[in-house]
Amino acid sequence: GQTAGPSALAEQAVAAYAELPGGGQNTVLARMTRIAGLSTVPRLAIEQQGLLQLWSTHCSHQRCATCPLAGA
């Protein structure tokens, strides 16, 4: 949206995305919640997707040394 359309529309899309509810709990989210030291699975989609991205790029490949959660 920021490169091909009105910036106001892009800003509205970002704001809407930031409020979308997550898809619920699954085994990967439960595991990542524990690894991240969170007490509950995040409720927002953007937060859940962040944990799933960390799983995909780091945990599933055992790249612990480069994971941002390694020092957490």
N, C-alpha and C. Protein backbone atom coordinates (compact mmCIF):
# COMPACT_ATOMS: atom_id res chain seq x y z
N GLY A 1 0.80 -1.19 0.00
CA GLY A 1 0.00 0.00 0.00
C GLY A 1 0.85 1.26 0.00
N GLN A 2 1.96 1.23 0.69
CA GLN A 2 2.78 2.44 0.77
C GLN A 2 3.48 2.74 -0.55
N THR A 3 3.74 1.74 -1.37
CA THR A 3 4.44 1.97 -2.63
C THR A 3 3.48 2.10 -3.81
N ALA A 4 2.31 1.50 -3.73
CA ALA A 4 1.42 1.49 -4.88
C ALA A 4 0.11 2.23 -4.67
N GLY A 5 -0.15 2.68 -3.46
CA GLY A 5 -1.45 3.28 -3.21
C GLY A 5 -1.37 4.45 -2.27
N PRO A 6 -2.52 4.98 -1.91
CA PRO A 6 -2.57 6.10 -0.98
C PRO A 6 -2.00 5.72 0.39
N SER A 7 -1.17 6.56 0.94
CA SER A 7 -0.56 6.23 2.23
C SER A 7 -1.60 6.13 3.34
N ALA A 8 -2.68 6.89 3.26
CA ALA A 8 -3.72 6.81 4.28
C ALA A 8 -4.35 5.42 4.29
N LEU A 9 -4.55 4.84 3.12
CA LEU A 9 -5.10 3.49 3.04
C LEU A 9 -4.14 2.47 3.63
N ALA A 10 -2.87 2.65 3.36
CA ALA A 10 -1.85 1.75 3.93
C ALA A 10 -1.84 1.86 5.45
N GLU A 11 -1.95 3.04 5.97
CA GLU A 11 -1.98 3.23 7.43
C GLU A 11 -3.21 2.57 8.05
N GLN A 12 -4.35 2.66 7.37
CA GLN A 12 -5.56 2.01 7.87
C GLN A 12 -5.40 0.49 7.87
N ALA A 13 -4.75 -0.03 6.84
CA ALA A 13 -4.53 -1.48 6.77
C ALA A 13 -3.63 -1.95 7.90
N VAL A 14 -2.57 -1.21 8.17
CA VAL A 14 -1.66 -1.56 9.26
C VAL A 14 -2.39 -1.52 10.60
N ALA A 15 -3.21 -0.49 10.81
CA ALA A 15 -3.96 -0.38 12.06
C ALA A 15 -4.94 -1.54 12.22
N ALA A 16 -5.60 -1.91 11.14
CA ALA A 16 -6.55 -3.03 11.20
C ALA A 16 -5.82 -4.33 11.48
N TYR A 17 -4.69 -4.54 10.83
CA TYR A 17 -3.90 -5.77 11.03
C TYR A 17 -3.43 -5.88 12.48
N ALA A 18 -3.06 -4.79 13.07
CA ALA A 18 -2.55 -4.80 14.45
C ALA A 18 -3.63 -5.20 15.46
N GLU A 19 -4.90 -5.15 15.06
CA GLU A 19 -5.99 -5.48 15.97
C GLU A 19 -6.63 -6.84 15.70
N LEU A 20 -6.20 -7.53 14.64
CA LEU A 20 -6.82 -8.81 14.30
C LEU A 20 -6.55 -9.86 15.38
N PRO A 21 -7.57 -10.61 15.75
CA PRO A 21 -7.35 -11.67 16.74
C PRO A 21 -6.55 -12.81 16.13
N GLY A 22 -5.86 -13.52 16.97
CA GLY A 22 -5.08 -14.66 16.53
C GLY A 22 -5.96 -15.85 16.19
N GLY A 23 -5.32 -16.87 15.68
CA GLY A 23 -6.05 -18.04 15.24
C GLY A 23 -6.26 -19.09 16.31
N GLY A 24 -5.89 -18.81 17.52
CA GLY A 24 -6.04 -19.80 18.58
C GLY A 24 -4.73 -20.49 18.88
N GLN A 25 -4.79 -21.43 19.78
CA GLN A 25 -3.58 -22.11 20.25
C GLN A 25 -3.31 -23.36 19.43
N ASN A 26 -2.03 -23.63 19.20
CA ASN A 26 -1.60 -24.89 18.60
C ASN A 26 -0.29 -25.29 19.27
N THR A 27 0.24 -26.44 18.93
CA THR A 27 1.42 -26.95 19.64
C THR A 27 2.64 -26.07 19.44
N VAL A 28 2.82 -25.51 18.25
CA VAL A 28 3.98 -24.64 18.02
C VAL A 28 3.85 -23.36 18.84
N LEU A 29 2.66 -22.76 18.84
CA LEU A 29 2.47 -21.55 19.64
C LEU A 29 2.64 -21.83 21.13
N ALA A 30 2.15 -22.97 21.59
CA ALA A 30 2.31 -23.32 23.00
C ALA A 30 3.80 -23.47 23.34
N ARG A 31 4.55 -24.14 22.48
CA ARG A 31 5.98 -24.31 22.71
C ARG A 31 6.70 -22.96 22.69
N MET A 32 6.39 -22.13 21.70
CA MET A 32 7.04 -20.83 21.58
C MET A 32 6.67 -19.91 22.74
N THR A 33 5.46 -20.03 23.26
CA THR A 33 5.05 -19.25 24.42
C THR A 33 5.94 -19.59 25.61
N ARG A 34 6.20 -20.88 25.81
CA ARG A 34 7.09 -21.30 26.91
C ARG A 34 8.51 -20.80 26.67
N ILE A 35 9.02 -20.97 25.45
CA ILE A 35 10.39 -20.55 25.14
C ILE A 35 10.56 -19.06 25.36
N ALA A 36 9.55 -18.28 24.97
CA ALA A 36 9.62 -16.83 25.12
C ALA A 36 9.38 -16.37 26.55
N GLY A 37 8.99 -17.29 27.43
CA GLY A 37 8.75 -16.93 28.82
C GLY A 37 7.44 -16.20 29.05
N LEU A 38 6.49 -16.39 28.15
CA LEU A 38 5.18 -15.75 28.28
C LEU A 38 4.26 -16.63 29.11
N SER A 39 3.34 -16.01 29.83
CA SER A 39 2.43 -16.79 30.67
C SER A 39 1.25 -17.34 29.87
N THR A 40 0.87 -16.69 28.79
CA THR A 40 -0.22 -17.16 27.95
C THR A 40 0.13 -16.93 26.48
N VAL A 41 -0.55 -17.67 25.62
CA VAL A 41 -0.38 -17.47 24.18
C VAL A 41 -0.89 -16.08 23.82
N PRO A 42 -0.13 -15.31 23.06
CA PRO A 42 -0.61 -13.98 22.66
C PRO A 42 -1.95 -14.08 21.94
N ARG A 43 -2.79 -13.09 22.12
CA ARG A 43 -4.13 -13.14 21.53
C ARG A 43 -4.19 -12.50 20.15
N LEU A 44 -3.27 -11.60 19.83
CA LEU A 44 -3.30 -10.91 18.54
C LEU A 44 -2.56 -11.70 17.47
N ALA A 45 -3.09 -11.66 16.25
CA ALA A 45 -2.49 -12.38 15.13
C ALA A 45 -1.05 -11.94 14.88
N ILE A 46 -0.78 -10.66 14.96
CA ILE A 46 0.56 -10.14 14.68
C ILE A 46 1.58 -10.69 15.69
N GLU A 47 1.16 -10.85 16.93
CA GLU A 47 2.04 -11.41 17.96
C GLU A 47 2.25 -12.91 17.74
N GLN A 48 1.17 -13.60 17.42
CA GLN A 48 1.29 -15.04 17.15
C GLN A 48 2.18 -15.28 15.93
N GLN A 49 2.01 -14.46 14.90
CA GLN A 49 2.81 -14.63 13.70
C GLN A 49 4.29 -14.36 13.98
N GLY A 50 4.56 -13.45 14.90
CA GLY A 50 5.95 -13.20 15.29
C GLY A 50 6.58 -14.43 15.91
N LEU A 51 5.85 -15.09 16.80
CA LEU A 51 6.36 -16.32 17.42
C LEU A 51 6.53 -17.43 16.39
N LEU A 52 5.57 -17.53 15.47
CA LEU A 52 5.67 -18.55 14.43
C LEU A 52 6.85 -18.28 13.49
N GLN A 53 7.14 -17.01 13.23
CA GLN A 53 8.30 -16.66 12.40
C GLN A 53 9.59 -17.06 13.10
N LEU A 54 9.68 -16.79 14.40
CA LEU A 54 10.87 -17.21 15.15
C LEU A 54 11.03 -18.73 15.11
N TRP A 55 9.92 -19.44 15.25
CA TRP A 55 9.98 -20.90 15.17
C TRP A 55 10.51 -21.33 13.81
N SER A 56 9.97 -20.72 12.77
CA SER A 56 10.31 -21.11 11.41
C SER A 56 11.77 -20.83 11.06
N THR A 57 12.28 -19.69 11.50
CA THR A 57 13.63 -19.30 11.12
C THR A 57 14.71 -19.78 12.08
N HIS A 58 14.35 -20.03 13.32
CA HIS A 58 15.36 -20.39 14.32
C HIS A 58 15.13 -21.76 14.95
N CYS A 59 14.04 -21.93 15.66
CA CYS A 59 13.83 -23.15 16.44
C CYS A 59 13.77 -24.40 15.59
N SER A 60 13.03 -24.36 14.49
CA SER A 60 12.87 -25.57 13.68
C SER A 60 14.17 -25.99 13.01
N HIS A 61 15.13 -25.08 12.92
CA HIS A 61 16.44 -25.38 12.34
C HIS A 61 17.54 -25.46 13.41
N GLN A 62 17.13 -25.38 14.67
CA GLN A 62 18.04 -25.39 15.82
C GLN A 62 19.14 -24.33 15.69
N ARG A 63 18.72 -23.13 15.31
CA ARG A 63 19.65 -22.00 15.22
C ARG A 63 19.51 -21.12 16.48
N CYS A 64 19.73 -21.73 17.59
CA CYS A 64 19.54 -21.07 18.88
C CYS A 64 20.51 -19.89 19.07
N ALA A 65 21.70 -20.02 18.57
CA ALA A 65 22.71 -18.98 18.78
C ALA A 65 22.31 -17.65 18.13
N THR A 66 21.51 -17.69 17.09
CA THR A 66 21.13 -16.46 16.41
C THR A 66 19.71 -16.01 16.74
N CYS A 67 19.05 -16.73 17.61
CA CYS A 67 17.67 -16.40 17.96
C CYS A 67 17.60 -15.19 18.92
N PRO A 68 16.70 -14.24 18.64
CA PRO A 68 16.56 -13.09 19.54
C PRO A 68 16.08 -13.49 20.95
N LEU A 69 15.48 -14.66 21.08
CA LEU A 69 15.02 -15.11 22.40
C LEU A 69 16.10 -15.81 23.19
N ALA A 70 17.26 -16.05 22.60
CA ALA A 70 18.32 -16.79 23.27
C ALA A 70 18.77 -16.13 24.56
N GLY A 71 18.74 -14.82 24.61
CA GLY A 71 19.14 -14.11 25.82
C GLY A 71 18.00 -13.81 26.75
N ALA A 72 16.77 -14.22 26.37
CA ALA A 72 15.59 -13.90 27.17
C ALA A 72 15.44 -14.82 28.36
